[in-house]
Amino acid sequence: MSHPIIIEQKVNAPAEKVWKALTDKNEMKIWYFDIPDFILETGKVFNFYEPGDERKYHHQAEILEIIQGNTFKHTWFYPDFSDKKTTVVWELQAEGEQTLVRLIHEDIENFNDLGENFSEKAFTEGWKGIITQSLKLYLEN
């Protein structure tokens, strides 16, 4: 039974600013990951590594859906370790000058055989840090 990871965070920034932070590779590398081959277009594939020089985990994703200013959906997987994929959905809900950011990471159980670094707990902690700290601080400063 699939239990998606859902992280929500309200930020003191308009939805347009949040959308740009989520979909502009120059902004993403400040608060998220450096993704040089990122192109915001359905069907495009992008690749990145965790920060630092170790380059231990090659992340790959394919953009599945874009609803301008509202929804950004892509796969998330590790081609060096498995052919199984998960899905990440970023949703924005404008609330005046604030925005509710909702991240949904589905099918995380597809990574169960990859070890503790790929567990639901590890992803939940990682996403919480990215959204409630990195993204929020970037947008509110």
Protein backbone atom coordinates (compact mmCIF):
# COMPACT_ATOMS: atom_id res chain seq x y z
CA MET A 1 0.00 0.00 0.00
CA SER A 2 1.43 3.33 -1.07
CA HIS A 3 1.73 6.10 1.51
CA PRO A 4 2.86 9.28 -0.21
CA ILE A 5 5.10 11.72 1.59
CA ILE A 6 3.27 15.05 1.85
CA ILE A 7 5.03 18.18 3.08
CA GLU A 8 3.23 21.52 3.29
CA GLN A 9 4.72 24.91 4.04
CA LYS A 10 3.20 28.37 3.86
CA VAL A 11 5.70 30.98 2.68
CA ASN A 12 5.52 34.77 2.76
CA ALA A 13 5.91 35.17 -0.98
CA PRO A 14 3.47 35.47 -3.89
CA ALA A 15 2.87 32.35 -5.99
CA GLU A 16 4.66 33.85 -9.02
CA LYS A 17 7.88 34.20 -7.01
CA VAL A 18 7.56 30.65 -5.64
CA TRP A 19 6.90 29.25 -9.13
CA LYS A 20 10.03 30.95 -10.46
CA ALA A 21 12.10 29.51 -7.58
CA LEU A 22 10.79 26.01 -8.42
CA THR A 23 11.25 26.19 -12.19
CA ASP A 24 14.19 28.50 -12.95
CA LYS A 25 17.49 26.59 -12.92
CA ASN A 26 19.44 29.68 -11.87
CA GLU A 27 17.25 30.09 -8.80
CA MET A 28 17.08 26.35 -8.05
CA LYS A 29 20.85 26.09 -7.70
CA ILE A 30 20.73 28.64 -4.86
CA TRP A 31 18.24 26.80 -2.61
CA TYR A 32 17.78 23.31 -4.13
CA PHE A 33 20.10 21.53 -6.58
CA ASP A 34 22.31 22.65 -9.44
CA ILE A 35 20.53 21.19 -12.50
CA PRO A 36 22.36 22.48 -15.62
CA ASP A 37 20.26 20.49 -18.11
CA PHE A 38 16.87 21.59 -16.65
CA ILE A 39 14.36 22.79 -19.25
CA LEU A 40 10.78 23.44 -18.11
CA GLU A 41 8.99 21.42 -20.77
CA THR A 42 6.86 18.27 -20.57
CA GLY A 43 8.85 15.20 -21.54
CA LYS A 44 12.27 16.76 -20.85
CA VAL A 45 14.70 14.74 -18.73
CA PHE A 46 17.04 16.38 -16.22
CA ASN A 47 19.92 15.08 -14.12
CA PHE A 48 21.63 16.20 -10.93
CA TYR A 49 23.70 15.13 -7.95
CA GLU A 50 23.52 15.96 -4.26
CA PRO A 51 25.52 19.08 -3.29
CA GLY A 52 29.28 18.69 -2.82
CA ASP A 53 31.99 16.91 -4.74
CA GLU A 54 31.11 13.34 -3.77
CA ARG A 55 28.58 12.83 -6.62
CA LYS A 56 27.42 9.62 -4.99
CA TYR A 57 23.79 9.67 -6.09
CA HIS A 58 22.90 10.40 -9.70
CA HIS A 59 19.30 11.67 -9.69
CA GLN A 60 17.31 11.63 -12.90
CA ALA A 61 13.83 12.97 -13.56
CA GLU A 62 11.40 13.38 -16.43
CA ILE A 63 8.85 16.18 -16.45
CA LEU A 64 5.36 14.69 -16.62
CA GLU A 65 3.06 17.70 -16.20
CA ILE A 66 3.23 21.47 -15.98
CA ILE A 67 0.30 23.66 -15.04
CA GLN A 68 1.86 27.11 -15.24
CA GLY A 69 2.07 28.77 -11.83
CA ASN A 70 0.34 25.86 -10.08
CA THR A 71 1.65 22.31 -10.60
CA PHE A 72 5.00 20.80 -11.53
CA LYS A 73 5.12 16.99 -11.69
CA HIS A 74 8.13 14.82 -12.50
CA THR A 75 9.58 11.38 -11.96
CA TRP A 76 12.44 10.88 -9.50
CA PHE A 77 14.83 7.96 -9.72
CA TYR A 78 18.40 6.74 -9.48
CA PRO A 79 19.42 5.07 -12.75
CA ASP A 80 22.71 3.81 -11.29
CA PHE A 81 20.83 1.78 -8.65
CA SER A 82 17.41 0.83 -10.00
CA ASP A 83 15.02 1.19 -12.93
CA LYS A 84 12.12 1.82 -10.52
CA LYS A 85 10.72 5.34 -10.41
CA THR A 86 8.81 7.54 -8.00
CA THR A 87 6.78 10.67 -8.70
CA VAL A 88 7.20 14.13 -7.19
CA VAL A 89 4.44 16.74 -7.44
CA TRP A 90 4.91 20.37 -6.44
CA GLU A 91 1.59 22.23 -5.98
CA LEU A 92 1.15 25.92 -5.23
CA GLN A 93 -1.92 27.55 -3.74
CA ALA A 94 -1.90 31.35 -3.76
CA GLU A 95 -3.20 33.03 -0.62
CA GLY A 96 -2.74 36.70 -1.35
CA GLU A 97 0.90 37.60 -0.71
CA GLN A 98 1.46 34.15 0.78
CA THR A 99 1.65 30.78 -0.95
CA LEU A 100 1.00 27.29 0.34
CA VAL A 101 3.63 24.93 -1.10
CA ARG A 102 2.64 21.26 -1.11
CA LEU A 103 5.08 18.55 -2.11
CA ILE A 104 3.82 15.02 -2.71
CA HIS A 105 6.35 12.22 -3.26
CA GLU A 106 4.55 9.07 -4.37
CA ASP A 107 5.60 5.43 -4.78
CA ILE A 108 8.57 5.78 -2.41
CA GLU A 109 8.22 2.07 -1.61
CA ASN A 110 9.75 1.45 -5.06
CA PHE A 111 13.09 2.25 -3.38
CA ASN A 112 12.66 -0.16 -0.43
CA ASP A 113 15.36 -2.50 -1.71
CA LEU A 114 17.95 0.33 -2.06
CA GLY A 115 18.69 0.72 1.65
CA GLU A 116 18.21 3.19 4.49
CA ASN A 117 19.33 6.26 2.48
CA PHE A 118 16.30 5.71 0.23
CA SER A 119 13.73 5.04 2.97
CA GLU A 120 10.48 6.90 3.53
CA LYS A 121 11.98 8.34 6.72
CA ALA A 122 15.10 9.60 4.92
CA PHE A 123 13.07 11.21 2.14
CA THR A 124 10.62 12.77 4.60
CA GLU A 125 13.47 14.35 6.56
CA GLY A 126 15.17 15.49 3.36
CA TRP A 127 12.06 17.08 1.89
CA LYS A 128 11.21 18.79 5.20
CA GLY A 129 14.65 20.39 5.25
CA ILE A 130 14.43 21.46 1.63
CA ILE A 131 10.94 22.96 1.90
CA THR A 132 10.65 24.26 5.46
CA GLN A 133 14.20 25.60 5.61
CA SER A 134 15.98 26.07 2.25
CA LEU A 135 13.01 27.14 0.10
CA LYS A 136 11.29 29.15 2.82
CA LEU A 137 14.48 31.03 3.75
CA TYR A 138 15.32 31.69 0.10
CA LEU A 139 11.86 33.10 -0.66
CA GLU A 140 11.51 35.17 2.50
CA ASN A 141 14.90 36.89 2.39
